[in-house]
Amino acid sequence: MNNFKTNDDLIKELLSLDEQKELQEEIEKEVKSIRGGARIGAGRKKKDSDNILQFQVRVSKREKEFLKYARAHNLNYDDLMQG
């Protein structure tokens, strides 16, 4: 079998660490000039660990009043559901 070498392998073999860094910086600069690079604020926002998943349920006005009452009076929903 042929022993193939990638560009990265050749760069590591032939260049010193400083030369590798310089080459990498030049490559990034060239790519950025051609493709524009990532835009500031682009992509997904980072998730905050304190951020809790929120969802909404559409309810009628009467159901909304009941939920407010139940929360205000600390009703135990498990007991209510048992009958």
PDB file of N, CA and C in Angstrom:
ATOM      1  N   MET A   1       0.843  -1.196   0.000  1.00  0.00           N
ATOM      2  CA  MET A   1       0.000   0.000   0.000  1.00  0.00           C
ATOM      3  C   MET A   1       0.878   1.244   0.000  1.00  0.00           C
ATOM      4  N   ASN A   2       0.365   2.242  -0.660  1.00  0.00           N
ATOM      5  CA  ASN A   2       1.074   3.524  -0.674  1.00  0.00           C
ATOM      6  C   ASN A   2       0.879   4.234   0.654  1.00  0.00           C
ATOM      7  N   ASN A   3       1.928   4.888   1.107  1.00  0.00           N
ATOM      8  CA  ASN A   3       1.853   5.647   2.347  1.00  0.00           C
ATOM      9  C   ASN A   3       1.618   7.106   1.977  1.00  0.00           C
ATOM     10  N   PHE A   4       0.362   7.531   1.995  1.00  0.00           N
ATOM     11  CA  PHE A   4       0.014   8.889   1.611  1.00  0.00           C
ATOM     12  C   PHE A   4       0.244   9.853   2.766  1.00  0.00           C
ATOM     13  N   LYS A   5       0.652  11.073   2.423  1.00  0.00           N
ATOM     14  CA  LYS A   5       0.838  12.121   3.416  1.00  0.00           C
ATOM     15  C   LYS A   5      -0.081  13.279   3.071  1.00  0.00           C
ATOM     16  N   THR A   6      -0.675  13.827   4.068  1.00  0.00           N
ATOM     17  CA  THR A   6      -1.551  14.977   3.865  1.00  0.00           C
ATOM     18  C   THR A   6      -0.726  16.259   3.890  1.00  0.00           C
ATOM     19  N   ASN A   7      -1.349  17.343   3.510  1.00  0.00           N
ATOM     20  CA  ASN A   7      -0.680  18.643   3.565  1.00  0.00           C
ATOM     21  C   ASN A   7      -0.255  18.967   4.991  1.00  0.00           C
ATOM     22  N   ASP A   8      -1.120  18.652   5.953  1.00  0.00           N
ATOM     23  CA  ASP A   8      -0.797  18.923   7.358  1.00  0.00           C
ATOM     24  C   ASP A   8       0.439  18.143   7.802  1.00  0.00           C
ATOM     25  N   ASP A   9       0.538  16.892   7.345  1.00  0.00           N
ATOM     26  CA  ASP A   9       1.716  16.079   7.693  1.00  0.00           C
ATOM     27  C   ASP A   9       2.995  16.704   7.132  1.00  0.00           C
ATOM     28  N   LEU A  10       2.943  17.149   5.890  1.00  0.00           N
ATOM     29  CA  LEU A  10       4.115  17.758   5.265  1.00  0.00           C
ATOM     30  C   LEU A  10       4.499  19.067   5.947  1.00  0.00           C
ATOM     31  N   ILE A  11       3.498  19.856   6.297  1.00  0.00           N
ATOM     32  CA  ILE A  11       3.766  21.122   6.988  1.00  0.00           C
ATOM     33  C   ILE A  11       4.456  20.861   8.319  1.00  0.00           C
ATOM     34  N   LYS A  12       3.981  19.858   9.055  1.00  0.00           N
ATOM     35  CA  LYS A  12       4.589  19.541  10.350  1.00  0.00           C
ATOM     36  C   LYS A  12       6.018  19.016  10.192  1.00  0.00           C
ATOM     37  N   GLU A  13       6.260  18.281   9.126  1.00  0.00           N
ATOM     38  CA  GLU A  13       7.592  17.728   8.888  1.00  0.00           C
ATOM     39  C   GLU A  13       8.597  18.795   8.466  1.00  0.00           C
ATOM     40  N   LEU A  14       8.179  19.692   7.578  1.00  0.00           N
ATOM     41  CA  LEU A  14       9.120  20.580   6.915  1.00  0.00           C
ATOM     42  C   LEU A  14       9.277  21.950   7.563  1.00  0.00           C
ATOM     43  N   LEU A  15       8.301  22.381   8.353  1.00  0.00           N
ATOM     44  CA  LEU A  15       8.347  23.736   8.899  1.00  0.00           C
ATOM     45  C   LEU A  15       8.497  23.728  10.413  1.00  0.00           C
ATOM     46  N   SER A  16       9.136  24.770  10.935  1.00  0.00           N
ATOM     47  CA  SER A  16       9.250  24.920  12.386  1.00  0.00           C
ATOM     48  C   SER A  16       7.905  25.411  12.940  1.00  0.00           C
ATOM     49  N   LEU A  17       7.775  25.434  14.260  1.00  0.00           N
ATOM     50  CA  LEU A  17       6.521  25.872  14.870  1.00  0.00           C
ATOM     51  C   LEU A  17       6.185  27.312  14.508  1.00  0.00           C
ATOM     52  N   ASP A  18       7.185  28.194  14.503  1.00  0.00           N
ATOM     53  CA  ASP A  18       6.950  29.588  14.144  1.00  0.00           C
ATOM     54  C   ASP A  18       6.494  29.713  12.697  1.00  0.00           C
ATOM     55  N   GLU A  19       7.125  28.948  11.811  1.00  0.00           N
ATOM     56  CA  GLU A  19       6.747  28.975  10.403  1.00  0.00           C
ATOM     57  C   GLU A  19       5.340  28.408  10.206  1.00  0.00           C
ATOM     58  N   GLN A  20       4.990  27.392  10.990  1.00  0.00           N
ATOM     59  CA  GLN A  20       3.642  26.828  10.909  1.00  0.00           C
ATOM     60  C   GLN A  20       2.597  27.856  11.320  1.00  0.00           C
ATOM     61  N   LYS A  21       2.862  28.580  12.422  1.00  0.00           N
ATOM     62  CA  LYS A  21       1.931  29.611  12.884  1.00  0.00           C
ATOM     63  C   LYS A  21       1.787  30.717  11.844  1.00  0.00           C
ATOM     64  N   GLU A  22       2.914  31.136  11.273  1.00  0.00           N
ATOM     65  CA  GLU A  22       2.897  32.197  10.271  1.00  0.00           C
ATOM     66  C   GLU A  22       2.093  31.764   9.044  1.00  0.00           C
ATOM     67  N   LEU A  23       2.309  30.526   8.601  1.00  0.00           N
ATOM     68  CA  LEU A  23       1.579  29.994   7.455  1.00  0.00           C
ATOM     69  C   LEU A  23       0.078  29.935   7.756  1.00  0.00           C
ATOM     70  N   GLN A  24      -0.273  29.467   8.951  1.00  0.00           N
ATOM     71  CA  GLN A  24      -1.680  29.367   9.331  1.00  0.00           C
ATOM     72  C   GLN A  24      -2.341  30.746   9.347  1.00  0.00           C
ATOM     73  N   GLU A  25      -1.627  31.757   9.862  1.00  0.00           N
ATOM     74  CA  GLU A  25      -2.169  33.119   9.891  1.00  0.00           C
ATOM     75  C   GLU A  25      -2.380  33.656   8.485  1.00  0.00           C
ATOM     76  N   GLU A  26      -1.434  33.387   7.591  1.00  0.00           N
ATOM     77  CA  GLU A  26      -1.573  33.828   6.200  1.00  0.00           C
ATOM     78  C   GLU A  26      -2.761  33.153   5.532  1.00  0.00           C
ATOM     79  N   ILE A  27      -2.948  31.869   5.804  1.00  0.00           N
ATOM     80  CA  ILE A  27      -4.076  31.134   5.227  1.00  0.00           C
ATOM     81  C   ILE A  27      -5.392  31.722   5.719  1.00  0.00           C
ATOM     82  N   GLU A  28      -5.498  31.955   7.032  1.00  0.00           N
ATOM     83  CA  GLU A  28      -6.726  32.524   7.589  1.00  0.00           C
ATOM     84  C   GLU A  28      -7.007  33.903   7.011  1.00  0.00           C
ATOM     85  N   LYS A  29      -5.956  34.714   6.846  1.00  0.00           N
ATOM     86  CA  LYS A  29      -6.112  36.052   6.284  1.00  0.00           C
ATOM     87  C   LYS A  29      -6.619  35.968   4.847  1.00  0.00           C
ATOM     88  N   GLU A  30      -6.052  35.053   4.065  1.00  0.00           N
ATOM     89  CA  GLU A  30      -6.456  34.895   2.669  1.00  0.00           C
ATOM     90  C   GLU A  30      -7.896  34.410   2.557  1.00  0.00           C
ATOM     91  N   VAL A  31      -8.247  33.428   3.371  1.00  0.00           N
ATOM     92  CA  VAL A  31      -9.614  32.892   3.342  1.00  0.00           C
ATOM     93  C   VAL A  31     -10.605  33.976   3.745  1.00  0.00           C
ATOM     94  N   LYS A  32     -10.256  34.763   4.753  1.00  0.00           N
ATOM     95  CA  LYS A  32     -11.144  35.825   5.215  1.00  0.00           C
ATOM     96  C   LYS A  32     -11.344  36.883   4.135  1.00  0.00           C
ATOM     97  N   SER A  33     -10.287  37.178   3.368  1.00  0.00           N
ATOM     98  CA  SER A  33     -10.410  38.186   2.317  1.00  0.00           C
ATOM     99  C   SER A  33     -11.281  37.676   1.171  1.00  0.00           C
ATOM    100  N   ILE A  34     -11.280  36.372   0.943  1.00  0.00           N
ATOM    101  CA  ILE A  34     -12.069  35.804  -0.150  1.00  0.00           C
ATOM    102  C   ILE A  34     -13.514  35.541   0.288  1.00  0.00           C
ATOM    103  N   ARG A  35     -13.666  34.877   1.409  1.00  0.00           N
ATOM    104  CA  ARG A  35     -14.989  34.455   1.858  1.00  0.00           C
ATOM    105  C   ARG A  35     -15.638  35.431   2.826  1.00  0.00           C
ATOM    106  N   GLY A  36     -14.894  36.340   3.370  1.00  0.00           N
ATOM    107  CA  GLY A  36     -15.465  37.317   4.286  1.00  0.00           C
ATOM    108  C   GLY A  36     -15.432  36.879   5.735  1.00  0.00           C
ATOM    109  N   GLY A  37     -15.283  35.612   6.003  1.00  0.00           N
ATOM    110  CA  GLY A  37     -15.238  35.140   7.386  1.00  0.00           C
ATOM    111  C   GLY A  37     -16.607  35.207   8.051  1.00  0.00           C
ATOM    112  N   ALA A  38     -16.643  34.818   9.287  1.00  0.00           N
ATOM    113  CA  ALA A  38     -17.897  34.814  10.037  1.00  0.00           C
ATOM    114  C   ALA A  38     -18.275  36.241  10.386  1.00  0.00           C
ATOM    115  N   ARG A  39     -19.544  36.540  10.242  1.00  0.00           N
ATOM    116  CA  ARG A  39     -20.034  37.861  10.610  1.00  0.00           C
ATOM    117  C   ARG A  39     -20.210  37.930  12.115  1.00  0.00           C
ATOM    118  N   ILE A  40     -20.043  39.104  12.661  1.00  0.00           N
ATOM    119  CA  ILE A  40     -20.233  39.297  14.102  1.00  0.00           C
ATOM    120  C   ILE A  40     -21.694  39.050  14.430  1.00  0.00           C
ATOM    121  N   GLY A  41     -21.941  38.227  15.439  1.00  0.00           N
ATOM    122  CA  GLY A  41     -23.314  37.933  15.859  1.00  0.00           C
ATOM    123  C   GLY A  41     -24.002  36.875  15.023  1.00  0.00           C
ATOM    124  N   ALA A  42     -23.316  36.313  14.041  1.00  0.00           N
ATOM    125  CA  ALA A  42     -23.928  35.284  13.205  1.00  0.00           C
ATOM    126  C   ALA A  42     -23.918  33.954  13.949  1.00  0.00           C
ATOM    127  N   GLY A  43     -24.834  33.104  13.609  1.00  0.00           N
ATOM    128  CA  GLY A  43     -24.867  31.771  14.204  1.00  0.00           C
ATOM    129  C   GLY A  43     -25.795  31.706  15.401  1.00  0.00           C
ATOM    130  N   ARG A  44     -25.817  30.554  15.998  1.00  0.00           N
ATOM    131  CA  ARG A  44     -26.693  30.339  17.140  1.00  0.00           C
ATOM    132  C   ARG A  44     -26.183  31.060  18.370  1.00  0.00           C
ATOM    133  N   LYS A  45     -27.103  31.527  19.153  1.00  0.00           N
ATOM    134  CA  LYS A  45     -26.750  32.189  20.399  1.00  0.00           C
ATOM    135  C   LYS A  45     -26.347  31.129  21.420  1.00  0.00           C
ATOM    136  N   LYS A  46     -25.419  31.478  22.290  1.00  0.00           N
ATOM    137  CA  LYS A  46     -24.986  30.562  23.333  1.00  0.00           C
ATOM    138  C   LYS A  46     -26.109  30.394  24.343  1.00  0.00           C
ATOM    139  N   LYS A  47     -26.311  29.164  24.777  1.00  0.00           N
ATOM    140  CA  LYS A  47     -27.352  28.891  25.763  1.00  0.00           C
ATOM    141  C   LYS A  47     -26.855  29.224  27.158  1.00  0.00           C
ATOM    142  N   ASP A  48     -27.678  29.919  27.882  1.00  0.00           N
ATOM    143  CA  ASP A  48     -27.365  30.266  29.264  1.00  0.00           C
ATOM    144  C   ASP A  48     -27.798  29.094  30.142  1.00  0.00           C
ATOM    145  N   SER A  49     -26.943  28.675  31.042  1.00  0.00           N
ATOM    146  CA  SER A  49     -27.263  27.527  31.892  1.00  0.00           C
ATOM    147  C   SER A  49     -28.440  27.824  32.827  1.00  0.00           C
ATOM    148  N   ASP A  50     -28.674  29.100  33.118  1.00  0.00           N
ATOM    149  CA  ASP A  50     -29.784  29.469  33.989  1.00  0.00           C
ATOM    150  C   ASP A  50     -31.094  29.595  33.222  1.00  0.00           C
ATOM    151  N   ASN A  51     -31.018  29.581  31.893  1.00  0.00           N
ATOM    152  CA  ASN A  51     -32.208  29.748  31.075  1.00  0.00           C
ATOM    153  C   ASN A  51     -33.016  28.456  31.062  1.00  0.00           C
ATOM    154  N   ILE A  52     -34.232  28.535  31.520  1.00  0.00           N
ATOM    155  CA  ILE A  52     -35.101  27.364  31.596  1.00  0.00           C
ATOM    156  C   ILE A  52     -36.012  27.359  30.377  1.00  0.00           C
ATOM    157  N   LEU A  53     -36.229  26.181  29.826  1.00  0.00           N
ATOM    158  CA  LEU A  53     -37.122  26.048  28.687  1.00  0.00           C
ATOM    159  C   LEU A  53     -38.503  26.552  29.058  1.00  0.00           C
ATOM    160  N   GLN A  54     -39.046  27.413  28.203  1.00  0.00           N
ATOM    161  CA  GLN A  54     -40.369  27.964  28.472  1.00  0.00           C
ATOM    162  C   GLN A  54     -41.292  27.587  27.325  1.00  0.00           C
ATOM    163  N   PHE A  55     -42.534  27.346  27.642  1.00  0.00           N
ATOM    164  CA  PHE A  55     -43.516  27.071  26.611  1.00  0.00           C
ATOM    165  C   PHE A  55     -44.823  27.723  26.999  1.00  0.00           C
ATOM    166  N   GLN A  56     -45.674  27.920  26.011  1.00  0.00           N
ATOM    167  CA  GLN A  56     -46.952  28.563  26.252  1.00  0.00           C
ATOM    168  C   GLN A  56     -48.066  27.626  25.844  1.00  0.00           C
ATOM    169  N   VAL A  57     -49.145  27.687  26.602  1.00  0.00           N
ATOM    170  CA  VAL A  57     -50.329  26.922  26.281  1.00  0.00           C
ATOM    171  C   VAL A  57     -51.479  27.912  26.215  1.00  0.00           C
ATOM    172  N   ARG A  58     -52.226  27.858  25.146  1.00  0.00           N
ATOM    173  CA  ARG A  58     -53.363  28.758  25.017  1.00  0.00           C
ATOM    174  C   ARG A  58     -54.532  28.186  25.806  1.00  0.00           C
ATOM    175  N   VAL A  59     -55.066  29.011  26.678  1.00  0.00           N
ATOM    176  CA  VAL A  59     -56.200  28.592  27.501  1.00  0.00           C
ATOM    177  C   VAL A  59     -57.280  29.656  27.419  1.00  0.00           C
ATOM    178  N   SER A  60     -58.480  29.238  27.804  1.00  0.00           N
ATOM    179  CA  SER A  60     -59.586  30.192  27.798  1.00  0.00           C
ATOM    180  C   SER A  60     -59.435  31.150  28.978  1.00  0.00           C
ATOM    181  N   LYS A  61     -60.236  32.192  28.970  1.00  0.00           N
ATOM    182  CA  LYS A  61     -60.174  33.194  30.041  1.00  0.00           C
ATOM    183  C   LYS A  61     -60.516  32.562  31.389  1.00  0.00           C
ATOM    184  N   ARG A  62     -61.483  31.662  31.387  1.00  0.00           N
ATOM    185  CA  ARG A  62     -61.889  31.008  32.635  1.00  0.00           C
ATOM    186  C   ARG A  62     -60.785  30.087  33.170  1.00  0.00           C
ATOM    187  N   GLU A  63     -60.144  29.343  32.259  1.00  0.00           N
ATOM    188  CA  GLU A  63     -59.032  28.477  32.659  1.00  0.00           C
ATOM    189  C   GLU A  63     -57.873  29.310  33.204  1.00  0.00           C
ATOM    190  N   LYS A  64     -57.641  30.458  32.600  1.00  0.00           N
ATOM    191  CA  LYS A  64     -56.574  31.336  33.059  1.00  0.00           C
ATOM    192  C   LYS A  64     -56.861  31.834  34.478  1.00  0.00           C
ATOM    193  N   GLU A  65     -58.118  32.186  34.735  1.00  0.00           N
ATOM    194  CA  GLU A  65     -58.499  32.619  36.081  1.00  0.00           C
ATOM    195  C   GLU A  65     -58.292  31.496  37.094  1.00  0.00           C
ATOM    196  N   PHE A  66     -58.665  30.256  36.709  1.00  0.00           N
ATOM    197  CA  PHE A  66     -58.476  29.127  37.605  1.00  0.00           C
ATOM    198  C   PHE A  66     -56.991  28.906  37.913  1.00  0.00           C
ATOM    199  N   LEU A  67     -56.147  28.998  36.891  1.00  0.00           N
ATOM    200  CA  LEU A  67     -54.713  28.805  37.109  1.00  0.00           C
ATOM    201  C   LEU A  67     -54.144  29.864  38.054  1.00  0.00           C
ATOM    202  N   LYS A  68     -54.579  31.101  37.886  1.00  0.00           N
ATOM    203  CA  LYS A  68     -54.132  32.168  38.788  1.00  0.00           C
ATOM    204  C   LYS A  68     -54.589  31.871  40.222  1.00  0.00           C
ATOM    205  N   TYR A  69     -55.836  31.428  40.374  1.00  0.00           N
ATOM    206  CA  TYR A  69     -56.376  31.111  41.696  1.00  0.00           C
ATOM    207  C   TYR A  69     -55.588  29.951  42.323  1.00  0.00           C
ATOM    208  N   ALA A  70     -55.345  28.915  41.512  1.00  0.00           N
ATOM    209  CA  ALA A  70     -54.640  27.731  42.018  1.00  0.00           C
ATOM    210  C   ALA A  70     -53.225  28.085  42.457  1.00  0.00           C
ATOM    211  N   ARG A  71     -52.566  28.921  41.711  1.00  0.00           N
ATOM    212  CA  ARG A  71     -51.199  29.327  42.084  1.00  0.00           C
ATOM    213  C   ARG A  71     -51.215  30.189  43.333  1.00  0.00           C
ATOM    214  N   ALA A  72     -52.196  31.079  43.431  1.00  0.00           N
ATOM    215  CA  ALA A  72     -52.276  31.979  44.583  1.00  0.00           C
ATOM    216  C   ALA A  72     -52.577  31.213  45.870  1.00  0.00           C
ATOM    217  N   HIS A  73     -53.347  30.117  45.774  1.00  0.00           N
ATOM    218  CA  HIS A  73     -53.758  29.359  46.948  1.00  0.00           C
ATOM    219  C   HIS A  73     -52.977  28.058  47.122  1.00  0.00           C
ATOM    220  N   ASN A  74     -51.880  27.895  46.360  1.00  0.00           N
ATOM    221  CA  ASN A  74     -51.002  26.724  46.464  1.00  0.00           C
ATOM    222  C   ASN A  74     -51.768  25.401  46.415  1.00  0.00           C
ATOM    223  N   LEU A  75     -52.661  25.270  45.438  1.00  0.00           N
ATOM    224  CA  LEU A  75     -53.407  24.020  45.287  1.00  0.00           C
ATOM    225  C   LEU A  75     -52.480  22.926  44.797  1.00  0.00           C
ATOM    226  N   ASN A  76     -52.649  21.730  45.341  1.00  0.00           N
ATOM    227  CA  ASN A  76     -51.865  20.573  44.935  1.00  0.00           C
ATOM    228  C   ASN A  76     -52.585  19.895  43.779  1.00  0.00           C
ATOM    229  N   TYR A  77     -52.018  19.993  42.592  1.00  0.00           N
ATOM    230  CA  TYR A  77     -52.673  19.440  41.396  1.00  0.00           C
ATOM    231  C   TYR A  77     -52.768  17.922  41.463  1.00  0.00           C
ATOM    232  N   ASP A  78     -51.797  17.262  42.086  1.00  0.00           N
ATOM    233  CA  ASP A  78     -51.845  15.801  42.175  1.00  0.00           C
ATOM    234  C   ASP A  78     -53.074  15.362  42.975  1.00  0.00           C
ATOM    235  N   ASP A  79     -53.353  16.051  44.098  1.00  0.00           N
ATOM    236  CA  ASP A  79     -54.538  15.696  44.894  1.00  0.00           C
ATOM    237  C   ASP A  79     -55.817  15.940  44.115  1.00  0.00           C
ATOM    238  N   LEU A  80     -55.867  17.026  43.383  1.00  0.00           N
ATOM    239  CA  LEU A  80     -57.061  17.335  42.585  1.00  0.00           C
ATOM    240  C   LEU A  80     -57.297  16.286  41.501  1.00  0.00           C
ATOM    241  N   MET A  81     -56.237  15.795  40.911  1.00  0.00           N
ATOM    242  CA  MET A  81     -56.381  14.835  39.820  1.00  0.00           C
ATOM    243  C   MET A  81     -56.771  13.449  40.342  1.00  0.00           C
ATOM    244  N   GLN A  82     -56.504  13.145  41.605  1.00  0.00           N
ATOM    245  CA  GLN A  82     -56.870  11.849  42.175  1.00  0.00           C
ATOM    246  C   GLN A  82     -58.377  11.757  42.372  1.00  0.00           C
ATOM    247  N   GLY A  83     -59.042  12.861  42.438  1.00  0.00           N
ATOM    248  CA  GLY A  83     -60.488  12.839  42.554  1.00  0.00           C
ATOM    249  C   GLY A  83     -60.874  13.235  43.898  1.00  0.00           C
TER     250      GLY A  83
END
